[in-house]
C-alpha atoms as a PDB file:
ATOM      1  CA  MET A   1     -82.062-129.644  69.005  1.00  0.00           C
ATOM      2  CA  ASN A   2     -83.344-132.784  68.420  1.00  0.00           C
ATOM      3  CA  PHE A   3     -81.798-135.924  67.412  1.00  0.00           C
ATOM      4  CA  ALA A   4     -82.068-135.512  63.477  1.00  0.00           C
ATOM      5  CA  GLU A   5     -81.297-132.049  63.792  1.00  0.00           C
ATOM      6  CA  LEU A   6     -78.063-132.470  65.123  1.00  0.00           C
ATOM      7  CA  HIS A   7     -77.069-133.984  61.782  1.00  0.00           C
ATOM      8  CA  ASN A   8     -77.519-130.508  60.269  1.00  0.00           C
ATOM      9  CA  GLN A   9     -75.166-128.693  62.042  1.00  0.00           C
ATOM     10  CA  ASN A  10     -71.870-126.957  60.845  1.00  0.00           C
ATOM     11  CA  HIS A  11     -69.824-129.975  61.600  1.00  0.00           C
ATOM     12  CA  PRO A  12     -70.393-133.426  61.655  1.00  0.00           C
ATOM     13  CA  LEU A  13     -72.017-135.135  64.618  1.00  0.00           C
ATOM     14  CA  LEU A  14     -69.650-137.074  66.990  1.00  0.00           C
ATOM     15  CA  ILE A  15     -71.442-139.788  68.408  1.00  0.00           C
ATOM     16  CA  ALA A  16     -70.090-141.475  71.806  1.00  0.00           C
ATOM     17  CA  ASN A  17     -70.802-145.257  71.266  1.00  0.00           C
ATOM     18  CA  VAL A  18     -71.237-146.834  74.768  1.00  0.00           C
ATOM     19  CA  TRP A  19     -71.904-149.913  75.952  1.00  0.00           C
ATOM     20  CA  ASP A  20     -73.428-149.557  79.806  1.00  0.00           C
ATOM     21  CA  ALA A  21     -74.340-146.811  82.210  1.00  0.00           C
ATOM     22  CA  VAL A  22     -70.710-146.122  83.472  1.00  0.00           C
ATOM     23  CA  SER A  23     -69.355-145.208  79.900  1.00  0.00           C
ATOM     24  CA  ALA A  24     -72.655-143.103  79.131  1.00  0.00           C
ATOM     25  CA  VAL A  25     -72.201-141.020  82.149  1.00  0.00           C
ATOM     26  CA  ALA A  26     -68.366-140.442  81.162  1.00  0.00           C
ATOM     27  CA  ALA A  27     -69.581-139.400  77.480  1.00  0.00           C
ATOM     28  CA  GLN A  28     -72.048-137.018  78.960  1.00  0.00           C
ATOM     29  CA  LYS A  29     -69.605-135.382  81.318  1.00  0.00           C
ATOM     30  CA  ALA A  30     -67.266-135.165  78.633  1.00  0.00           C
ATOM     31  CA  GLY A  31     -69.582-133.099  76.524  1.00  0.00           C
ATOM     32  CA  TYR A  32     -70.853-135.107  73.658  1.00  0.00           C
ATOM     33  CA  GLN A  33     -74.261-134.267  72.338  1.00  0.00           C
ATOM     34  CA  ALA A  34     -75.382-137.765  71.572  1.00  0.00           C
ATOM     35  CA  LEU A  35     -75.108-141.696  72.409  1.00  0.00           C
ATOM     36  CA  GLY A  36     -75.081-144.555  70.258  1.00  0.00           C
ATOM     37  CA  THR A  37     -74.499-148.086  71.527  1.00  0.00           C
ATOM     38  CA  SER A  38     -72.030-150.235  70.310  1.00  0.00           C
ATOM     39  CA  SER A  39     -73.813-154.003  69.722  1.00  0.00           C
ATOM     40  CA  ALA A  40     -70.193-155.652  69.745  1.00  0.00           C
ATOM     41  CA  ALA A  41     -69.093-153.786  72.897  1.00  0.00           C
ATOM     42  CA  ILE A  42     -72.282-154.666  74.747  1.00  0.00           C
ATOM     43  CA  ALA A  43     -72.140-158.313  73.630  1.00  0.00           C
ATOM     44  CA  ALA A  44     -68.664-158.388  74.840  1.00  0.00           C
ATOM     45  CA  THR A  45     -69.725-156.957  78.162  1.00  0.00           C
ATOM     46  CA  LEU A  46     -72.229-159.531  78.598  1.00  0.00           C
ATOM     47  CA  GLY A  47     -69.950-162.695  77.312  1.00  0.00           C
ATOM     48  CA  TYR A  48     -71.822-162.923  73.744  1.00  0.00           C
ATOM     49  CA  GLU A  49     -70.228-162.837  70.316  1.00  0.00           C
ATOM     50  CA  ASP A  50     -71.304-160.138  68.179  1.00  0.00           C
ATOM     51  CA  GLY A  51     -73.554-160.990  65.531  1.00  0.00           C
ATOM     52  CA  GLN A  52     -77.225-160.912  67.702  1.00  0.00           C
ATOM     53  CA  SER A  53     -75.992-163.988  69.793  1.00  0.00           C
ATOM     54  CA  MET A  54     -77.614-162.144  72.744  1.00  0.00           C
ATOM     55  CA  PRO A  55     -81.181-162.172  73.300  1.00  0.00           C
ATOM     56  CA  PHE A  56     -83.008-158.619  72.743  1.00  0.00           C
ATOM     57  CA  ASP A  57     -84.465-158.415  76.305  1.00  0.00           C
ATOM     58  CA  GLU A  58     -81.113-158.452  77.691  1.00  0.00           C
ATOM     59  CA  LEU A  59     -80.077-155.711  75.121  1.00  0.00           C
ATOM     60  CA  LEU A  60     -83.070-153.832  75.935  1.00  0.00           C
ATOM     61  CA  TYR A  61     -82.150-154.046  79.559  1.00  0.00           C
ATOM     62  CA  VAL A  62     -78.849-152.426  79.094  1.00  0.00           C
ATOM     63  CA  VAL A  63     -80.066-149.467  77.240  1.00  0.00           C
ATOM     64  CA  THR A  64     -83.126-148.937  79.858  1.00  0.00           C
ATOM     65  CA  ARG A  65     -79.851-148.483  82.456  1.00  0.00           C
ATOM     66  CA  ILE A  66     -78.348-146.228  79.646  1.00  0.00           C
ATOM     67  CA  ARG A  67     -81.478-144.040  79.541  1.00  0.00           C
ATOM     68  CA  ALA A  68     -81.679-143.944  83.263  1.00  0.00           C
ATOM     69  CA  VAL A  69     -78.275-142.226  83.635  1.00  0.00           C
ATOM     70  CA  SER A  70     -78.426-139.977  80.629  1.00  0.00           C
ATOM     71  CA  ASP A  71     -80.803-137.734  79.136  1.00  0.00           C
ATOM     72  CA  LEU A  72     -78.721-137.386  75.825  1.00  0.00           C
ATOM     73  CA  PRO A  73     -80.337-138.605  72.476  1.00  0.00           C
ATOM     74  CA  LEU A  74     -79.665-142.075  72.113  1.00  0.00           C
ATOM     75  CA  SER A  75     -79.244-144.346  69.050  1.00  0.00           C
ATOM     76  CA  VAL A  76     -79.368-147.980  69.580  1.00  0.00           C
ATOM     77  CA  ASP A  77     -77.502-150.518  67.518  1.00  0.00           C
ATOM     78  CA  MET A  78     -80.017-152.827  66.397  1.00  0.00           C
ATOM     79  CA  GLU A  79     -77.603-155.138  64.211  1.00  0.00           C
ATOM     80  CA  ALA A  80     -80.237-156.902  61.768  1.00  0.00           C
ATOM     81  CA  GLY A  81     -83.003-155.909  64.028  1.00  0.00           C
ATOM     82  CA  TYR A  82     -83.245-159.054  66.252  1.00  0.00           C
ATOM     83  CA  GLY A  83     -86.056-160.627  64.224  1.00  0.00           C
ATOM     84  CA  ASP A  84     -86.456-162.509  61.023  1.00  0.00           C
ATOM     85  CA  SER A  85     -89.652-160.954  59.949  1.00  0.00           C
ATOM     86  CA  ALA A  86     -90.396-156.965  59.572  1.00  0.00           C
ATOM     87  CA  GLU A  87     -93.113-157.500  62.418  1.00  0.00           C
ATOM     88  CA  GLU A  88     -90.623-158.727  64.884  1.00  0.00           C
ATOM     89  CA  ILE A  89     -88.168-155.925  63.966  1.00  0.00           C
ATOM     90  CA  THR A  90     -90.758-153.474  64.012  1.00  0.00           C
ATOM     91  CA  ALA A  91     -91.942-154.558  67.569  1.00  0.00           C
ATOM     92  CA  ASN A  92     -88.568-154.463  68.875  1.00  0.00           C
ATOM     93  CA  LEU A  93     -88.342-150.777  67.641  1.00  0.00           C
ATOM     94  CA  LYS A  94     -91.352-149.906  69.122  1.00  0.00           C
ATOM     95  CA  ARG A  95     -90.017-150.892  72.578  1.00  0.00           C
ATOM     96  CA  LEU A  96     -87.145-148.959  72.294  1.00  0.00           C
ATOM     97  CA  ALA A  97     -89.032-145.958  71.095  1.00  0.00           C
ATOM     98  CA  GLN A  98     -91.309-146.435  74.124  1.00  0.00           C
ATOM     99  CA  ILE A  99     -88.410-146.113  76.520  1.00  0.00           C
ATOM    100  CA  GLY A 100     -87.071-142.718  74.921  1.00  0.00           C
ATOM    101  CA  VAL A 101     -84.571-144.083  72.359  1.00  0.00           C
ATOM    102  CA  SER A 102     -84.215-141.705  69.477  1.00  0.00           C
ATOM    103  CA  GLY A 103     -82.827-143.663  66.596  1.00  0.00           C
ATOM    104  CA  VAL A 104     -81.585-146.878  65.656  1.00  0.00           C
ATOM    105  CA  ASN A 105     -78.681-148.757  63.406  1.00  0.00           C
ATOM    106  CA  LEU A 106     -80.203-151.565  60.963  1.00  0.00           C
ATOM    107  CA  GLU A 107     -77.564-153.207  58.894  1.00  0.00           C
ATOM    108  CA  ASP A 108     -77.934-154.988  55.909  1.00  0.00           C
ATOM    109  CA  SER A 109     -75.837-158.192  56.526  1.00  0.00           C
ATOM    110  CA  ARG A 110     -76.189-161.046  58.899  1.00  0.00           C
ATOM    111  CA  VAL A 111     -73.726-163.592  60.428  1.00  0.00           C
ATOM    112  CA  ILE A 112     -74.692-166.964  59.287  1.00  0.00           C
ATOM    113  CA  ASN A 113     -72.435-170.027  60.430  1.00  0.00           C
ATOM    114  CA  GLN A 114     -70.079-167.342  61.913  1.00  0.00           C
ATOM    115  CA  VAL A 115     -69.545-165.737  58.821  1.00  0.00           C
ATOM    116  CA  ARG A 116     -71.031-162.286  57.905  1.00  0.00           C
ATOM    117  CA  GLN A 117     -72.895-162.132  54.728  1.00  0.00           C
ATOM    118  CA  LEU A 118     -74.490-159.265  53.027  1.00  0.00           C
ATOM    119  CA  ASP A 119     -78.195-159.687  52.398  1.00  0.00           C
ATOM    120  CA  ASP A 120     -80.001-159.224  49.082  1.00  0.00           C
ATOM    121  CA  ALA A 121     -80.403-155.352  48.471  1.00  0.00           C
ATOM    122  CA  SER A 122     -83.920-155.882  47.167  1.00  0.00           C
ATOM    123  CA  GLU A 123     -85.266-157.815  49.946  1.00  0.00           C
ATOM    124  CA  PHE A 124     -83.482-156.126  52.646  1.00  0.00           C
ATOM    125  CA  SER A 125     -85.281-152.848  51.242  1.00  0.00           C
ATOM    126  CA  CYS A 126     -88.430-154.403  51.139  1.00  0.00           C
ATOM    127  CA  THR A 127     -88.086-155.177  54.852  1.00  0.00           C
ATOM    128  CA  LEU A 128     -87.073-151.724  55.873  1.00  0.00           C
ATOM    129  CA  LYS A 129     -89.524-150.202  53.915  1.00  0.00           C
ATOM    130  CA  SER A 130     -92.025-152.432  55.978  1.00  0.00           C
ATOM    131  CA  VAL A 131     -90.615-151.523  59.140  1.00  0.00           C
ATOM    132  CA  CYS A 132     -90.594-147.666  58.335  1.00  0.00           C
ATOM    133  CA  ASP A 133     -94.303-147.553  57.150  1.00  0.00           C
ATOM    134  CA  ALA A 134     -95.396-149.351  60.211  1.00  0.00           C
ATOM    135  CA  LEU A 135     -93.730-147.247  62.458  1.00  0.00           C
ATOM    136  CA  LYS A 136     -94.626-143.756  60.573  1.00  0.00           C
ATOM    137  CA  SER A 137     -98.439-145.244  60.819  1.00  0.00           C
ATOM    138  CA  GLU A 138     -98.151-145.579  64.274  1.00  0.00           C
ATOM    139  CA  GLY A 139     -96.909-142.372  65.154  1.00  0.00           C
ATOM    140  CA  TYR A 140     -93.260-143.570  66.178  1.00  0.00           C
ATOM    141  CA  SER A 141     -90.429-141.228  65.249  1.00  0.00           C
ATOM    142  CA  LEU A 142     -86.977-143.106  64.992  1.00  0.00           C
ATOM    143  CA  PHE A 143     -83.998-141.637  63.259  1.00  0.00           C
ATOM    144  CA  MET A 144     -83.305-144.804  60.973  1.00  0.00           C
ATOM    145  CA  ASN A 145     -79.628-144.920  60.266  1.00  0.00           C
ATOM    146  CA  VAL A 146     -79.183-147.934  57.650  1.00  0.00           C
ATOM    147  CA  ARG A 147     -75.717-149.576  57.848  1.00  0.00           C
ATOM    148  CA  THR A 148     -74.289-151.152  54.365  1.00  0.00           C
ATOM    149  CA  ASP A 149     -71.349-153.579  55.127  1.00  0.00           C
ATOM    150  CA  THR A 150     -70.385-153.049  51.370  1.00  0.00           C
ATOM    151  CA  TYR A 151     -66.880-151.723  52.472  1.00  0.00           C
ATOM    152  CA  LEU A 152     -66.659-153.688  55.850  1.00  0.00           C
ATOM    153  CA  LEU A 153     -67.165-157.038  53.631  1.00  0.00           C
ATOM    154  CA  ALA A 154     -64.727-155.853  50.793  1.00  0.00           C
ATOM    155  CA  HIS A 155     -67.338-156.077  48.124  1.00  0.00           C
ATOM    156  CA  GLU A 156     -65.869-156.403  44.685  1.00  0.00           C
ATOM    157  CA  ARG A 157     -67.389-153.207  43.525  1.00  0.00           C
ATOM    158  CA  PRO A 158     -67.880-151.541  46.861  1.00  0.00           C
ATOM    159  CA  LEU A 159     -68.461-147.722  45.811  1.00  0.00           C
ATOM    160  CA  HIS A 160     -71.153-149.317  43.064  1.00  0.00           C
ATOM    161  CA  GLU A 161     -73.122-151.267  45.218  1.00  0.00           C
ATOM    162  CA  THR A 162     -72.954-148.561  48.180  1.00  0.00           C
ATOM    163  CA  LEU A 163     -74.571-146.175  45.543  1.00  0.00           C
ATOM    164  CA  LEU A 164     -76.957-148.733  44.482  1.00  0.00           C
ATOM    165  CA  ARG A 165     -78.087-149.794  48.019  1.00  0.00           C
ATOM    166  CA  GLY A 166     -78.026-146.333  49.330  1.00  0.00           C
ATOM    167  CA  GLN A 167     -80.737-145.132  46.607  1.00  0.00           C
ATOM    168  CA  LEU A 168     -83.089-148.034  47.342  1.00  0.00           C
ATOM    169  CA  TYR A 169     -82.636-147.514  51.009  1.00  0.00           C
ATOM    170  CA  LYS A 170     -83.631-143.835  50.679  1.00  0.00           C
ATOM    171  CA  ALA A 171     -86.535-144.942  48.866  1.00  0.00           C
ATOM    172  CA  ALA A 172     -87.571-147.268  51.555  1.00  0.00           C
ATOM    173  CA  GLY A 173     -87.476-144.576  54.287  1.00  0.00           C
ATOM    174  CA  ALA A 174     -84.089-144.548  55.668  1.00  0.00           C
ATOM    175  CA  ASP A 175     -82.865-141.372  57.443  1.00  0.00           C
ATOM    176  CA  GLY A 176     -78.888-141.948  57.256  1.00  0.00           C
ATOM    177  CA  LEU A 177     -76.532-144.171  55.310  1.00  0.00           C
ATOM    178  CA  PHE A 178     -73.854-145.812  57.780  1.00  0.00           C
ATOM    179  CA  VAL A 179     -70.883-147.101  55.660  1.00  0.00           C
ATOM    180  CA  PRO A 180     -68.391-148.581  58.322  1.00  0.00           C
ATOM    181  CA  CYS A 181     -64.820-148.946  56.740  1.00  0.00           C
ATOM    182  CA  LEU A 182     -65.103-146.080  54.328  1.00  0.00           C
ATOM    183  CA  THR A 183     -62.010-144.141  54.404  1.00  0.00           C
ATOM    184  CA  SER A 184     -61.367-142.749  50.832  1.00  0.00           C
ATOM    185  CA  GLU A 185     -62.083-138.986  50.615  1.00  0.00           C
ATOM    186  CA  ILE A 186     -62.950-139.374  47.040  1.00  0.00           C
ATOM    187  CA  ASP A 187     -65.397-142.315  47.674  1.00  0.00           C
ATOM    188  CA  ILE A 188     -67.075-140.589  50.605  1.00  0.00           C
ATOM    189  CA  GLY A 189     -67.764-137.270  48.411  1.00  0.00           C
ATOM    190  CA  VAL A 190     -69.084-139.188  45.717  1.00  0.00           C
ATOM    191  CA  ILE A 191     -71.580-140.871  48.131  1.00  0.00           C
ATOM    192  CA  ALA A 192     -72.399-137.684  50.081  1.00  0.00           C
ATOM    193  CA  GLU A 193     -72.967-136.244  46.640  1.00  0.00           C
ATOM    194  CA  ALA A 194     -74.995-138.895  44.910  1.00  0.00           C
ATOM    195  CA  ILE A 195     -77.213-140.332  48.083  1.00  0.00           C
ATOM    196  CA  ASP A 196     -79.436-137.639  49.473  1.00  0.00           C
ATOM    197  CA  LEU A 197     -79.048-138.971  53.289  1.00  0.00           C
ATOM    198  CA  HIS A 198     -77.073-138.145  56.087  1.00  0.00           C
ATOM    199  CA  LEU A 199     -73.963-139.865  55.869  1.00  0.00           C
ATOM    200  CA  ASN A 200     -72.230-141.563  58.532  1.00  0.00           C
ATOM    201  CA  VAL A 201     -68.631-143.015  59.082  1.00  0.00           C
ATOM    202  CA  MET A 202     -66.745-145.124  61.370  1.00  0.00           C
ATOM    203  CA  CYS A 203     -63.586-144.670  63.477  1.00  0.00           C
ATOM    204  CA  MET A 204     -60.677-146.515  61.564  1.00  0.00           C
ATOM    205  CA  PRO A 205     -57.093-146.171  61.748  1.00  0.00           C
ATOM    206  CA  ASP A 206     -56.825-144.314  58.661  1.00  0.00           C
ATOM    207  CA  LEU A 207     -59.857-142.174  58.314  1.00  0.00           C
ATOM    208  CA  PRO A 208     -59.185-138.649  57.608  1.00  0.00           C
ATOM    209  CA  SER A 209     -59.360-135.843  59.903  1.00  0.00           C
ATOM    210  CA  PHE A 210     -63.029-134.504  61.095  1.00  0.00           C
ATOM    211  CA  GLY A 211     -62.501-131.327  59.361  1.00  0.00           C
ATOM    212  CA  ARG A 212     -61.719-133.223  55.990  1.00  0.00           C
ATOM    213  CA  LEU A 213     -64.357-135.377  56.829  1.00  0.00           C
ATOM    214  CA  LYS A 214     -66.874-132.371  57.022  1.00  0.00           C
ATOM    215  CA  LEU A 215     -65.382-131.147  53.768  1.00  0.00           C
ATOM    216  CA  ALA A 216     -65.966-134.462  52.078  1.00  0.00           C
ATOM    217  CA  GLY A 217     -69.915-134.343  52.992  1.00  0.00           C
ATOM    218  CA  VAL A 218     -69.782-136.605  56.149  1.00  0.00           C
ATOM    219  CA  ASN A 219     -72.857-135.596  58.486  1.00  0.00           C
ATOM    220  CA  ARG A 220     -72.073-138.219  61.697  1.00  0.00           C
ATOM    221  CA  ILE A 221     -69.131-139.806  62.827  1.00  0.00           C
ATOM    222  CA  SER A 222     -69.457-142.755  65.085  1.00  0.00           C
ATOM    223  CA  MET A 223     -66.382-144.772  67.317  1.00  0.00           C
ATOM    224  CA  GLY A 224     -67.808-148.622  66.681  1.00  0.00           C
ATOM    225  CA  ASN A 225     -66.369-150.559  69.702  1.00  0.00           C
ATOM    226  CA  PHE A 226     -62.697-149.222  69.540  1.00  0.00           C
ATOM    227  CA  VAL A 227     -62.813-147.557  72.721  1.00  0.00           C
ATOM    228  CA  HIS A 228     -64.282-150.378  74.450  1.00  0.00           C
ATOM    229  CA  SER A 229     -61.613-152.238  72.947  1.00  0.00           C
ATOM    230  CA  ALA A 230     -59.140-149.852  73.974  1.00  0.00           C
ATOM    231  CA  LEU A 231     -60.251-149.947  77.594  1.00  0.00           C
ATOM    232  CA  GLN A 232     -60.286-153.639  77.424  1.00  0.00           C
ATOM    233  CA  SER A 233     -56.727-153.850  76.533  1.00  0.00           C
ATOM    234  CA  LYS A 234     -55.701-151.371  79.454  1.00  0.00           C
ATOM    235  CA  LEU A 235     -57.776-153.592  81.579  1.00  0.00           C
ATOM    236  CA  THR A 236     -55.828-156.817  80.800  1.00  0.00           C
ATOM    237  CA  ASP A 237     -52.439-155.063  80.954  1.00  0.00           C
ATOM    238  CA  LEU A 238     -53.293-153.756  84.648  1.00  0.00           C
ATOM    239  CA  MET A 239     -54.514-157.236  85.670  1.00  0.00           C
ATOM    240  CA  SER A 240     -51.416-158.731  84.336  1.00  0.00           C
ATOM    241  CA  ALA A 241     -49.117-156.364  86.140  1.00  0.00           C
ATOM    242  CA  ILE A 242     -50.850-156.795  89.698  1.00  0.00           C
ATOM    243  CA  ARG A 243     -50.332-160.599  89.093  1.00  0.00           C
ATOM    244  CA  SER A 244     -46.566-160.414  87.881  1.00  0.00           C
ATOM    245  CA  HIS A 245     -45.439-157.572  90.374  1.00  0.00           C
ATOM    246  CA  GLN A 246     -47.546-158.889  93.388  1.00  0.00           C
ATOM    247  CA  THR A 247     -48.019-155.489  94.179  1.00  0.00           C
ATOM    248  CA  PHE A 248     -51.007-153.033  93.820  1.00  0.00           C
ATOM    249  CA  GLU A 249     -48.716-150.025  93.360  1.00  0.00           C
ATOM    250  CA  GLY A 250     -49.782-149.443  89.631  1.00  0.00           C
ATOM    251  CA  LEU A 251     -53.161-148.653  90.841  1.00  0.00           C
ATOM    252  CA  PHE A 252     -52.011-145.555  92.313  1.00  0.00           C
ATOM    253  CA  VAL A 253     -49.626-143.792  89.773  1.00  0.00           C
ATOM    254  CA  ASP A 254     -52.249-140.899  89.670  1.00  0.00           C
ATOM    255  CA  GLU A 255     -51.661-138.566  92.649  1.00  0.00           C
ATOM    256  CA  SER A 256     -55.115-137.780  92.851  1.00  0.00           C
ATOM    257  CA  CYS A 257     -56.132-141.661  94.183  1.00  0.00           C
ATOM    258  CA  LYS A 258     -53.636-141.377  96.914  1.00  0.00           C
END
């Protein structure tokens, strides 16, 4: 199955969100069907703040290294596209497609003066349509997973606004709708029924079980940067333990390491 077809299985597609070649290899060995990058995790790994602080060329290099070690379908988190115009965004996406990337995430918010804000829905839709039309006209095939931050940013009417934006993004050429911080099974069911797009939700502490998400109409589940954050926390603990205990014994608690 190609990447798009993986969204039509009888269970949601579980995306392994990775940030470098090592994490990509681990996900492939674990048996995942597809990979997705985490912009926040890659930014943290390279010493940047999330929100398009890193240059696109640095993101592209990391993606190139991931592609070098894994043949799994890969979707790249492109945040707001790393460009200020449809032409710049399209050029970036074409570079990803040329190295074998299967899909991208584009989000309808931007970090301005360190504050994330929703874009105007109509303006974003026009940009999205221009990007989708340009890619299609040149024969590029990328799964366009469009992220709306209505729930993440606690919009006053998140369900209503998500339905509005979902319809606009569908008309503009999106293939999927990604709604981070959406956890209500009722809202998930309403969105899945109303919007004819593959619905993607993200790891959250109160996210329903995968089986319940399937019943609610979810097609895709992703991890965000939470796995990376958990590993960073363990790394910090390990580094602190070595320094405070003045011994490396904690590194060898696993018998297989001896």
